[in-house]
Amino acid sequence: MFIVSLILFVGGMLLTGLSFSFAAPGLFFALGILLVAASLALPFHFGTR
């Protein structure tokens, strides 16, 4: 679970940071924000207690 969250977090930060060098910056910025949010929400919803 930690590895998946880490990959989503790093990928989201990468998309957010590089979004303004792509053709549609708003789309990639929003996708990066969604990936970061998913990486933070994943352990709370699917993690073991």
PDB file of N, CA and C in Angstrom:
ATOM      1  N   MET A   1       0.830  -1.190   0.000  1.00  0.00           N
ATOM      2  CA  MET A   1       0.000   0.000   0.000  1.00  0.00           C
ATOM      3  C   MET A   1       0.878   1.259   0.000  1.00  0.00           C
ATOM      4  N   PHE A   2       1.979   1.203   0.761  1.00  0.00           N
ATOM      5  CA  PHE A   2       2.857   2.361   0.841  1.00  0.00           C
ATOM      6  C   PHE A   2       3.505   2.658  -0.508  1.00  0.00           C
ATOM      7  N   ILE A   3       3.911   1.627  -1.215  1.00  0.00           N
ATOM      8  CA  ILE A   3       4.581   1.823  -2.501  1.00  0.00           C
ATOM      9  C   ILE A   3       3.626   2.446  -3.514  1.00  0.00           C
ATOM     10  N   VAL A   4       2.387   1.982  -3.533  1.00  0.00           N
ATOM     11  CA  VAL A   4       1.391   2.539  -4.462  1.00  0.00           C
ATOM     12  C   VAL A   4       1.138   4.005  -4.138  1.00  0.00           C
ATOM     13  N   SER A   5       0.994   4.322  -2.866  1.00  0.00           N
ATOM     14  CA  SER A   5       0.776   5.717  -2.470  1.00  0.00           C
ATOM     15  C   SER A   5       1.971   6.590  -2.817  1.00  0.00           C
ATOM     16  N   LEU A   6       3.165   6.054  -2.623  1.00  0.00           N
ATOM     17  CA  LEU A   6       4.366   6.812  -2.947  1.00  0.00           C
ATOM     18  C   LEU A   6       4.478   7.081  -4.445  1.00  0.00           C
ATOM     19  N   ILE A   7       4.164   6.078  -5.253  1.00  0.00           N
ATOM     20  CA  ILE A   7       4.214   6.250  -6.708  1.00  0.00           C
ATOM     21  C   ILE A   7       3.175   7.280  -7.165  1.00  0.00           C
ATOM     22  N   LEU A   8       1.968   7.201  -6.606  1.00  0.00           N
ATOM     23  CA  LEU A   8       0.934   8.181  -6.955  1.00  0.00           C
ATOM     24  C   LEU A   8       1.333   9.588  -6.531  1.00  0.00           C
ATOM     25  N   PHE A   9       1.935   9.706  -5.348  1.00  0.00           N
ATOM     26  CA  PHE A   9       2.332  11.017  -4.851  1.00  0.00           C
ATOM     27  C   PHE A   9       3.439  11.632  -5.714  1.00  0.00           C
ATOM     28  N   VAL A  10       4.453  10.846  -6.005  1.00  0.00           N
ATOM     29  CA  VAL A  10       5.560  11.361  -6.814  1.00  0.00           C
ATOM     30  C   VAL A  10       5.093  11.673  -8.238  1.00  0.00           C
ATOM     31  N   GLY A  11       4.248  10.818  -8.799  1.00  0.00           N
ATOM     32  CA  GLY A  11       3.701  11.080 -10.131  1.00  0.00           C
ATOM     33  C   GLY A  11       2.825  12.321 -10.163  1.00  0.00           C
ATOM     34  N   GLY A  12       2.040  12.511  -9.129  1.00  0.00           N
ATOM     35  CA  GLY A  12       1.205  13.710  -9.056  1.00  0.00           C
ATOM     36  C   GLY A  12       2.009  14.977  -8.914  1.00  0.00           C
ATOM     37  N   MET A  13       3.061  14.926  -8.095  1.00  0.00           N
ATOM     38  CA  MET A  13       3.931  16.092  -7.957  1.00  0.00           C
ATOM     39  C   MET A  13       4.665  16.384  -9.262  1.00  0.00           C
ATOM     40  N   LEU A  14       5.066  15.329  -9.973  1.00  0.00           N
ATOM     41  CA  LEU A  14       5.731  15.504 -11.261  1.00  0.00           C
ATOM     42  C   LEU A  14       4.790  16.142 -12.275  1.00  0.00           C
ATOM     43  N   LEU A  15       3.558  15.655 -12.354  1.00  0.00           N
ATOM     44  CA  LEU A  15       2.596  16.241 -13.292  1.00  0.00           C
ATOM     45  C   LEU A  15       2.255  17.680 -12.930  1.00  0.00           C
ATOM     46  N   THR A  16       2.129  17.958 -11.638  1.00  0.00           N
ATOM     47  CA  THR A  16       1.818  19.318 -11.213  1.00  0.00           C
ATOM     48  C   THR A  16       2.960  20.270 -11.557  1.00  0.00           C
ATOM     49  N   GLY A  17       4.180  19.822 -11.342  1.00  0.00           N
ATOM     50  CA  GLY A  17       5.315  20.680 -11.620  1.00  0.00           C
ATOM     51  C   GLY A  17       5.587  20.887 -13.092  1.00  0.00           C
ATOM     52  N   LEU A  18       5.375  19.856 -13.889  1.00  0.00           N
ATOM     53  CA  LEU A  18       5.660  19.946 -15.319  1.00  0.00           C
ATOM     54  C   LEU A  18       4.435  20.334 -16.155  1.00  0.00           C
ATOM     55  N   SER A  19       3.340  20.654 -15.514  1.00  0.00           N
ATOM     56  CA  SER A  19       2.088  20.867 -16.253  1.00  0.00           C
ATOM     57  C   SER A  19       2.169  22.050 -17.219  1.00  0.00           C
ATOM     58  N   PHE A  20       2.941  23.065 -16.898  1.00  0.00           N
ATOM     59  CA  PHE A  20       2.963  24.250 -17.744  1.00  0.00           C
ATOM     60  C   PHE A  20       3.901  24.112 -18.937  1.00  0.00           C
ATOM     61  N   SER A  21       4.572  22.968 -19.045  1.00  0.00           N
ATOM     62  CA  SER A  21       5.382  22.724 -20.238  1.00  0.00           C
ATOM     63  C   SER A  21       4.662  21.811 -21.226  1.00  0.00           C
ATOM     64  N   PHE A  22       3.440  21.396 -20.915  1.00  0.00           N
ATOM     65  CA  PHE A  22       2.640  20.572 -21.815  1.00  0.00           C
ATOM     66  C   PHE A  22       1.680  21.449 -22.616  1.00  0.00           C
ATOM     67  N   ALA A  23       0.979  20.828 -23.570  1.00  0.00           N
ATOM     68  CA  ALA A  23       0.079  21.577 -24.444  1.00  0.00           C
ATOM     69  C   ALA A  23      -1.157  22.076 -23.699  1.00  0.00           C
ATOM     70  N   ALA A  24      -1.719  21.262 -22.823  1.00  0.00           N
ATOM     71  CA  ALA A  24      -2.915  21.645 -22.068  1.00  0.00           C
ATOM     72  C   ALA A  24      -2.556  21.706 -20.588  1.00  0.00           C
ATOM     73  N   PRO A  25      -2.057  22.857 -20.099  1.00  0.00           N
ATOM     74  CA  PRO A  25      -1.547  22.901 -18.729  1.00  0.00           C
ATOM     75  C   PRO A  25      -2.615  22.707 -17.659  1.00  0.00           C
ATOM     76  N   GLY A  26      -3.808  23.179 -17.904  1.00  0.00           N
ATOM     77  CA  GLY A  26      -4.871  23.034 -16.907  1.00  0.00           C
ATOM     78  C   GLY A  26      -5.257  21.591 -16.674  1.00  0.00           C
ATOM     79  N   LEU A  27      -5.281  20.818 -17.723  1.00  0.00           N
ATOM     80  CA  LEU A  27      -5.638  19.405 -17.610  1.00  0.00           C
ATOM     81  C   LEU A  27      -4.600  18.635 -16.814  1.00  0.00           C
ATOM     82  N   PHE A  28      -3.325  18.841 -17.111  1.00  0.00           N
ATOM     83  CA  PHE A  28      -2.274  18.111 -16.411  1.00  0.00           C
ATOM     84  C   PHE A  28      -2.100  18.602 -14.976  1.00  0.00           C
ATOM     85  N   PHE A  29      -2.358  19.889 -14.728  1.00  0.00           N
ATOM     86  CA  PHE A  29      -2.309  20.406 -13.364  1.00  0.00           C
ATOM     87  C   PHE A  29      -3.402  19.764 -12.519  1.00  0.00           C
ATOM     88  N   ALA A  30      -4.615  19.697 -13.059  1.00  0.00           N
ATOM     89  CA  ALA A  30      -5.720  19.083 -12.330  1.00  0.00           C
ATOM     90  C   ALA A  30      -5.484  17.592 -12.119  1.00  0.00           C
ATOM     91  N   LEU A  31      -4.929  16.921 -13.115  1.00  0.00           N
ATOM     92  CA  LEU A  31      -4.619  15.501 -12.976  1.00  0.00           C
ATOM     93  C   LEU A  31      -3.556  15.273 -11.905  1.00  0.00           C
ATOM     94  N   GLY A  32      -2.576  16.154 -11.826  1.00  0.00           N
ATOM     95  CA  GLY A  32      -1.557  16.050 -10.785  1.00  0.00           C
ATOM     96  C   GLY A  32      -2.138  16.237  -9.396  1.00  0.00           C
ATOM     97  N   ILE A  33      -3.024  17.207  -9.252  1.00  0.00           N
ATOM     98  CA  ILE A  33      -3.682  17.441  -7.960  1.00  0.00           C
ATOM     99  C   ILE A  33      -4.530  16.240  -7.568  1.00  0.00           C
ATOM    100  N   LEU A  34      -5.233  15.645  -8.520  1.00  0.00           N
ATOM    101  CA  LEU A  34      -6.048  14.463  -8.229  1.00  0.00           C
ATOM    102  C   LEU A  34      -5.199  13.265  -7.835  1.00  0.00           C
ATOM    103  N   LEU A  35      -4.042  13.105  -8.465  1.00  0.00           N
ATOM    104  CA  LEU A  35      -3.157  12.000  -8.092  1.00  0.00           C
ATOM    105  C   LEU A  35      -2.596  12.182  -6.684  1.00  0.00           C
ATOM    106  N   VAL A  36      -2.240  13.402  -6.329  1.00  0.00           N
ATOM    107  CA  VAL A  36      -1.747  13.661  -4.974  1.00  0.00           C
ATOM    108  C   VAL A  36      -2.857  13.409  -3.951  1.00  0.00           C
ATOM    109  N   ALA A  37      -4.061  13.852  -4.253  1.00  0.00           N
ATOM    110  CA  ALA A  37      -5.182  13.620  -3.343  1.00  0.00           C
ATOM    111  C   ALA A  37      -5.482  12.131  -3.202  1.00  0.00           C
ATOM    112  N   ALA A  38      -5.397  11.392  -4.302  1.00  0.00           N
ATOM    113  CA  ALA A  38      -5.632   9.950  -4.232  1.00  0.00           C
ATOM    114  C   ALA A  38      -4.546   9.250  -3.426  1.00  0.00           C
ATOM    115  N   SER A  39      -3.306   9.724  -3.545  1.00  0.00           N
ATOM    116  CA  SER A  39      -2.223   9.093  -2.792  1.00  0.00           C
ATOM    117  C   SER A  39      -2.368   9.325  -1.295  1.00  0.00           C
ATOM    118  N   LEU A  40      -2.938  10.458  -0.903  1.00  0.00           N
ATOM    119  CA  LEU A  40      -3.157  10.717   0.512  1.00  0.00           C
ATOM    120  C   LEU A  40      -4.399  10.016   1.043  1.00  0.00           C
ATOM    121  N   ALA A  41      -5.400   9.812   0.205  1.00  0.00           N
ATOM    122  CA  ALA A  41      -6.648   9.183   0.645  1.00  0.00           C
ATOM    123  C   ALA A  41      -6.578   7.661   0.641  1.00  0.00           C
ATOM    124  N   LEU A  42      -5.714   7.102  -0.159  1.00  0.00           N
ATOM    125  CA  LEU A  42      -5.642   5.647  -0.306  1.00  0.00           C
ATOM    126  C   LEU A  42      -5.353   4.914   1.001  1.00  0.00           C
ATOM    127  N   PRO A  43      -4.366   5.290   1.785  1.00  0.00           N
ATOM    128  CA  PRO A  43      -4.111   4.548   3.032  1.00  0.00           C
ATOM    129  C   PRO A  43      -5.243   4.666   4.053  1.00  0.00           C
ATOM    130  N   PHE A  44      -5.949   5.793   4.066  1.00  0.00           N
ATOM    131  CA  PHE A  44      -7.028   5.959   5.028  1.00  0.00           C
ATOM    132  C   PHE A  44      -8.235   5.095   4.691  1.00  0.00           C
ATOM    133  N   HIS A  45      -8.487   4.885   3.407  1.00  0.00           N
ATOM    134  CA  HIS A  45      -9.674   4.136   3.009  1.00  0.00           C
ATOM    135  C   HIS A  45      -9.431   2.639   2.887  1.00  0.00           C
ATOM    136  N   PHE A  46      -8.242   2.252   2.453  1.00  0.00           N
ATOM    137  CA  PHE A  46      -7.984   0.841   2.199  1.00  0.00           C
ATOM    138  C   PHE A  46      -6.903   0.235   3.081  1.00  0.00           C
ATOM    139  N   GLY A  47      -6.347   1.007   3.986  1.00  0.00           N
ATOM    140  CA  GLY A  47      -5.312   0.497   4.862  1.00  0.00           C
ATOM    141  C   GLY A  47      -5.873  -0.390   5.951  1.00  0.00           C
ATOM    142  N   THR A  48      -5.027  -1.233   6.514  1.00  0.00           N
ATOM    143  CA  THR A  48      -5.465  -2.090   7.627  1.00  0.00           C
ATOM    144  C   THR A  48      -5.353  -1.319   8.918  1.00  0.00           C
ATOM    145  N   ARG A  49      -6.175  -1.662   9.861  1.00  0.00           N
ATOM    146  CA  ARG A  49      -6.181  -0.964  11.141  1.00  0.00           C
ATOM    147  C   ARG A  49      -5.346  -1.687  12.146  1.00  0.00           C
TER     148      ARG A  49
END
